[in-house]
Structures are given as C-alpha cells and as structure tokens.
Amino acid sequence: MEEGLVESADGRRFKLPAVDRINGVERRRGDVEDLPYTLDKMISAASESCPLRTGDIICAGPITDPGDGILLSSGDEIQIA
C-alpha cells in the first residue's frame, strides 16, 4: 500500500477511492485522502471512548451531501466500498 500513501502536514494519508450507496443508489464518490482527519487519528479518538477489537468498523465522513435533501430512514441499507 506504499504507493497509495500521501504525506500531508498532519500525517500520512491513504489515497483510497470510496463509494457510498443508500438502498443500492450511488450517492457520493470521494477519497479517504480528503477526510478531515487521518485514519490513525480517527482510530486513536475512537479508542479513547471504548476498547477496540479485531473486526470493529469505524466509519467517518458524510454519507450524503447535507444539501441534497436525502434523509435516512429505518431499514435503509448503507453500503460503503
């Protein structure tokens, strides 16, 4: 994964594309590199409030643009790839 690493002022970031879908409909494309925090900072912050275990999933970032009027409902299926 070394070729996917990008150095930034606040640490190393991964250049990984991401696609979000709600109920099978693509809503957003982006890149992990564009998140406001590095992955290691997000893991560190999450581990301060609860113990992390193998298999835990941490999600960060907006699922949809708040201005697009999409609201999640009970039973919606969210896919992040």
N, C-alpha and C. Protein backbone atom coordinates (compact mmCIF):
# COMPACT_ATOMS: atom_id res chain seq x y z
N MET A 1 0.81 -1.20 0.00
CA MET A 1 0.00 0.00 0.00
C MET A 1 0.85 1.26 0.00
N GLU A 2 2.15 1.10 -0.03
CA GLU A 2 3.02 2.28 -0.01
C GLU A 2 2.72 3.24 -1.16
N GLU A 3 2.35 2.71 -2.33
CA GLU A 3 2.07 3.59 -3.47
C GLU A 3 0.79 4.40 -3.25
N GLY A 4 -0.05 3.99 -2.32
CA GLY A 4 -1.28 4.70 -2.03
C GLY A 4 -1.17 5.68 -0.87
N LEU A 5 0.05 5.87 -0.34
CA LEU A 5 0.24 6.80 0.77
C LEU A 5 0.59 8.19 0.27
N VAL A 6 0.02 9.18 0.93
CA VAL A 6 0.28 10.58 0.60
C VAL A 6 0.71 11.27 1.89
N GLU A 7 1.81 11.99 1.85
CA GLU A 7 2.26 12.75 3.02
C GLU A 7 1.52 14.07 3.07
N SER A 8 1.06 14.44 4.26
CA SER A 8 0.39 15.74 4.44
C SER A 8 0.94 16.39 5.70
N ALA A 9 0.54 17.61 5.95
CA ALA A 9 1.04 18.35 7.11
C ALA A 9 0.68 17.66 8.42
N ASP A 10 -0.45 16.94 8.46
CA ASP A 10 -0.86 16.30 9.71
C ASP A 10 -0.67 14.78 9.71
N GLY A 11 0.12 14.27 8.81
CA GLY A 11 0.43 12.84 8.83
C GLY A 11 0.23 12.18 7.49
N ARG A 12 0.42 10.87 7.49
CA ARG A 12 0.26 10.09 6.26
C ARG A 12 -1.21 9.79 6.03
N ARG A 13 -1.61 9.94 4.79
CA ARG A 13 -2.99 9.66 4.40
C ARG A 13 -2.99 8.60 3.31
N PHE A 14 -4.05 7.81 3.28
CA PHE A 14 -4.19 6.81 2.24
C PHE A 14 -5.02 7.39 1.10
N LYS A 15 -4.55 7.19 -0.11
CA LYS A 15 -5.30 7.59 -1.29
C LYS A 15 -6.13 6.38 -1.71
N LEU A 16 -7.37 6.32 -1.20
CA LEU A 16 -8.26 5.20 -1.47
C LEU A 16 -9.63 5.74 -1.90
N PRO A 17 -10.08 5.36 -3.09
CA PRO A 17 -11.41 5.82 -3.50
C PRO A 17 -12.50 5.16 -2.65
N ALA A 18 -13.59 5.89 -2.46
CA ALA A 18 -14.72 5.37 -1.69
C ALA A 18 -16.02 5.71 -2.42
N VAL A 19 -16.98 4.80 -2.36
CA VAL A 19 -18.29 5.00 -2.95
C VAL A 19 -19.33 4.70 -1.88
N ASP A 20 -20.29 5.59 -1.71
CA ASP A 20 -21.39 5.40 -0.76
C ASP A 20 -22.67 5.17 -1.54
N ARG A 21 -23.43 4.16 -1.11
CA ARG A 21 -24.73 3.87 -1.72
C ARG A 21 -25.78 3.77 -0.62
N ILE A 22 -26.97 4.27 -0.90
CA ILE A 22 -28.11 4.11 0.00
C ILE A 22 -29.18 3.36 -0.78
N ASN A 23 -29.56 2.20 -0.25
CA ASN A 23 -30.53 1.34 -0.91
C ASN A 23 -30.14 1.05 -2.36
N GLY A 24 -28.83 0.84 -2.57
CA GLY A 24 -28.32 0.48 -3.89
C GLY A 24 -28.10 1.63 -4.84
N VAL A 25 -28.45 2.86 -4.44
CA VAL A 25 -28.29 4.02 -5.31
C VAL A 25 -27.04 4.78 -4.89
N GLU A 26 -26.12 4.96 -5.85
CA GLU A 26 -24.89 5.69 -5.54
C GLU A 26 -25.21 7.14 -5.19
N ARG A 27 -24.68 7.60 -4.05
CA ARG A 27 -24.94 8.96 -3.59
C ARG A 27 -23.71 9.83 -3.56
N ARG A 28 -22.54 9.22 -3.41
CA ARG A 28 -21.33 10.03 -3.28
C ARG A 28 -20.10 9.21 -3.63
N ARG A 29 -19.16 9.87 -4.28
CA ARG A 29 -17.83 9.31 -4.53
C ARG A 29 -16.83 10.26 -3.92
N GLY A 30 -15.78 9.70 -3.37
CA GLY A 30 -14.76 10.55 -2.78
C GLY A 30 -13.49 9.76 -2.58
N ASP A 31 -12.63 10.27 -1.76
CA ASP A 31 -11.35 9.63 -1.48
C ASP A 31 -11.03 9.79 -0.01
N VAL A 32 -10.53 8.73 0.60
CA VAL A 32 -10.16 8.75 2.02
C VAL A 32 -9.16 9.87 2.29
N GLU A 33 -8.35 10.19 1.32
CA GLU A 33 -7.35 11.26 1.46
C GLU A 33 -8.02 12.60 1.81
N ASP A 34 -9.27 12.80 1.40
CA ASP A 34 -9.96 14.07 1.61
C ASP A 34 -10.67 14.19 2.95
N LEU A 35 -10.68 13.13 3.77
CA LEU A 35 -11.31 13.22 5.08
C LEU A 35 -10.57 14.22 5.95
N PRO A 36 -11.24 14.87 6.90
CA PRO A 36 -10.60 15.90 7.69
C PRO A 36 -9.52 15.39 8.65
N TYR A 37 -9.54 14.08 8.97
CA TYR A 37 -8.55 13.52 9.89
C TYR A 37 -7.89 12.30 9.26
N THR A 38 -6.68 12.00 9.68
CA THR A 38 -6.01 10.80 9.20
C THR A 38 -6.64 9.58 9.87
N LEU A 39 -6.49 8.42 9.26
CA LEU A 39 -7.05 7.20 9.83
C LEU A 39 -6.50 6.92 11.22
N ASP A 40 -5.20 7.14 11.43
CA ASP A 40 -4.65 6.86 12.76
C ASP A 40 -5.22 7.80 13.82
N LYS A 41 -5.54 9.04 13.47
CA LYS A 41 -6.17 9.96 14.43
C LYS A 41 -7.61 9.52 14.74
N MET A 42 -8.32 9.02 13.72
CA MET A 42 -9.69 8.55 13.95
C MET A 42 -9.69 7.31 14.85
N ILE A 43 -8.77 6.39 14.61
CA ILE A 43 -8.67 5.18 15.44
C ILE A 43 -8.30 5.56 16.86
N SER A 44 -7.38 6.48 17.02
CA SER A 44 -6.96 6.92 18.35
C SER A 44 -8.14 7.55 19.10
N ALA A 45 -8.90 8.41 18.43
CA ALA A 45 -10.05 9.06 19.08
C ALA A 45 -11.12 8.03 19.45
N ALA A 46 -11.37 7.06 18.57
CA ALA A 46 -12.38 6.04 18.86
C ALA A 46 -11.96 5.18 20.04
N SER A 47 -10.68 4.89 20.15
CA SER A 47 -10.21 4.01 21.22
C SER A 47 -10.20 4.71 22.58
N GLU A 48 -10.33 6.03 22.61
CA GLU A 48 -10.39 6.75 23.88
C GLU A 48 -11.75 6.57 24.56
N SER A 49 -12.80 6.30 23.78
CA SER A 49 -14.12 6.18 24.38
C SER A 49 -14.57 4.73 24.59
N CYS A 50 -13.92 3.79 23.94
CA CYS A 50 -14.28 2.38 24.14
C CYS A 50 -13.13 1.51 23.62
N PRO A 51 -13.02 0.30 24.16
CA PRO A 51 -11.97 -0.59 23.66
C PRO A 51 -12.29 -1.05 22.24
N LEU A 52 -11.30 -1.06 21.39
CA LEU A 52 -11.48 -1.53 20.02
C LEU A 52 -11.02 -2.98 19.94
N ARG A 53 -11.76 -3.76 19.16
CA ARG A 53 -11.43 -5.17 19.00
C ARG A 53 -11.28 -5.49 17.52
N THR A 54 -10.62 -6.58 17.24
CA THR A 54 -10.49 -7.05 15.87
C THR A 54 -11.87 -7.18 15.24
N GLY A 55 -12.02 -6.64 14.05
CA GLY A 55 -13.30 -6.71 13.35
C GLY A 55 -14.19 -5.49 13.53
N ASP A 56 -13.84 -4.60 14.47
CA ASP A 56 -14.62 -3.37 14.64
C ASP A 56 -14.54 -2.53 13.37
N ILE A 57 -15.60 -1.82 13.07
CA ILE A 57 -15.66 -0.97 11.89
C ILE A 57 -15.80 0.48 12.34
N ILE A 58 -14.96 1.34 11.77
CA ILE A 58 -15.04 2.77 12.06
C ILE A 58 -15.37 3.47 10.74
N CYS A 59 -16.44 4.23 10.72
CA CYS A 59 -16.83 4.98 9.53
C CYS A 59 -16.73 6.46 9.84
N ALA A 60 -16.27 7.22 8.87
CA ALA A 60 -16.14 8.67 9.06
C ALA A 60 -16.48 9.36 7.76
N GLY A 61 -16.96 10.57 7.90
CA GLY A 61 -17.27 11.36 6.72
C GLY A 61 -18.76 11.37 6.43
N PRO A 62 -19.21 12.31 5.63
CA PRO A 62 -20.63 12.37 5.33
C PRO A 62 -21.03 11.26 4.36
N ILE A 63 -22.21 10.68 4.61
CA ILE A 63 -22.74 9.68 3.68
C ILE A 63 -23.32 10.38 2.46
N THR A 64 -24.00 11.48 2.66
CA THR A 64 -24.53 12.27 1.55
C THR A 64 -24.25 13.73 1.81
N ASP A 65 -24.38 14.51 0.78
CA ASP A 65 -24.24 15.96 0.92
C ASP A 65 -25.48 16.47 1.66
N PRO A 66 -25.30 17.17 2.80
CA PRO A 66 -26.47 17.64 3.55
C PRO A 66 -27.44 18.48 2.71
N GLY A 67 -26.95 19.09 1.65
CA GLY A 67 -27.81 19.93 0.82
C GLY A 67 -28.63 19.17 -0.20
N ASP A 68 -28.44 17.85 -0.32
CA ASP A 68 -29.19 17.13 -1.35
C ASP A 68 -30.55 16.63 -0.89
N GLY A 69 -30.91 16.86 0.38
CA GLY A 69 -32.23 16.54 0.87
C GLY A 69 -32.48 15.07 1.15
N ILE A 70 -31.45 14.23 1.14
CA ILE A 70 -31.63 12.80 1.40
C ILE A 70 -31.55 12.55 2.90
N LEU A 71 -32.59 11.94 3.44
CA LEU A 71 -32.59 11.56 4.85
C LEU A 71 -32.65 10.05 4.95
N LEU A 72 -31.98 9.50 5.93
CA LEU A 72 -32.01 8.06 6.14
C LEU A 72 -33.26 7.69 6.92
N SER A 73 -33.82 6.54 6.59
CA SER A 73 -35.00 6.02 7.29
C SER A 73 -34.66 4.67 7.89
N SER A 74 -35.41 4.28 8.89
CA SER A 74 -35.23 2.97 9.49
C SER A 74 -35.33 1.91 8.39
N GLY A 75 -34.37 1.00 8.37
CA GLY A 75 -34.36 -0.07 7.40
C GLY A 75 -33.56 0.23 6.13
N ASP A 76 -33.11 1.48 5.96
CA ASP A 76 -32.28 1.80 4.79
C ASP A 76 -30.99 0.99 4.85
N GLU A 77 -30.52 0.58 3.69
CA GLU A 77 -29.27 -0.17 3.59
C GLU A 77 -28.19 0.76 3.09
N ILE A 78 -27.11 0.86 3.87
CA ILE A 78 -25.99 1.74 3.53
C ILE A 78 -24.80 0.87 3.14
N GLN A 79 -24.21 1.14 1.99
CA GLN A 79 -23.02 0.43 1.53
C GLN A 79 -21.89 1.43 1.38
N ILE A 80 -20.73 1.07 1.90
CA ILE A 80 -19.54 1.89 1.74
C ILE A 80 -18.46 0.99 1.19
N ALA A 81 -17.97 1.32 0.02
CA ALA A 81 -16.95 0.48 -0.62
C ALA A 81 -15.82 1.32 -1.12
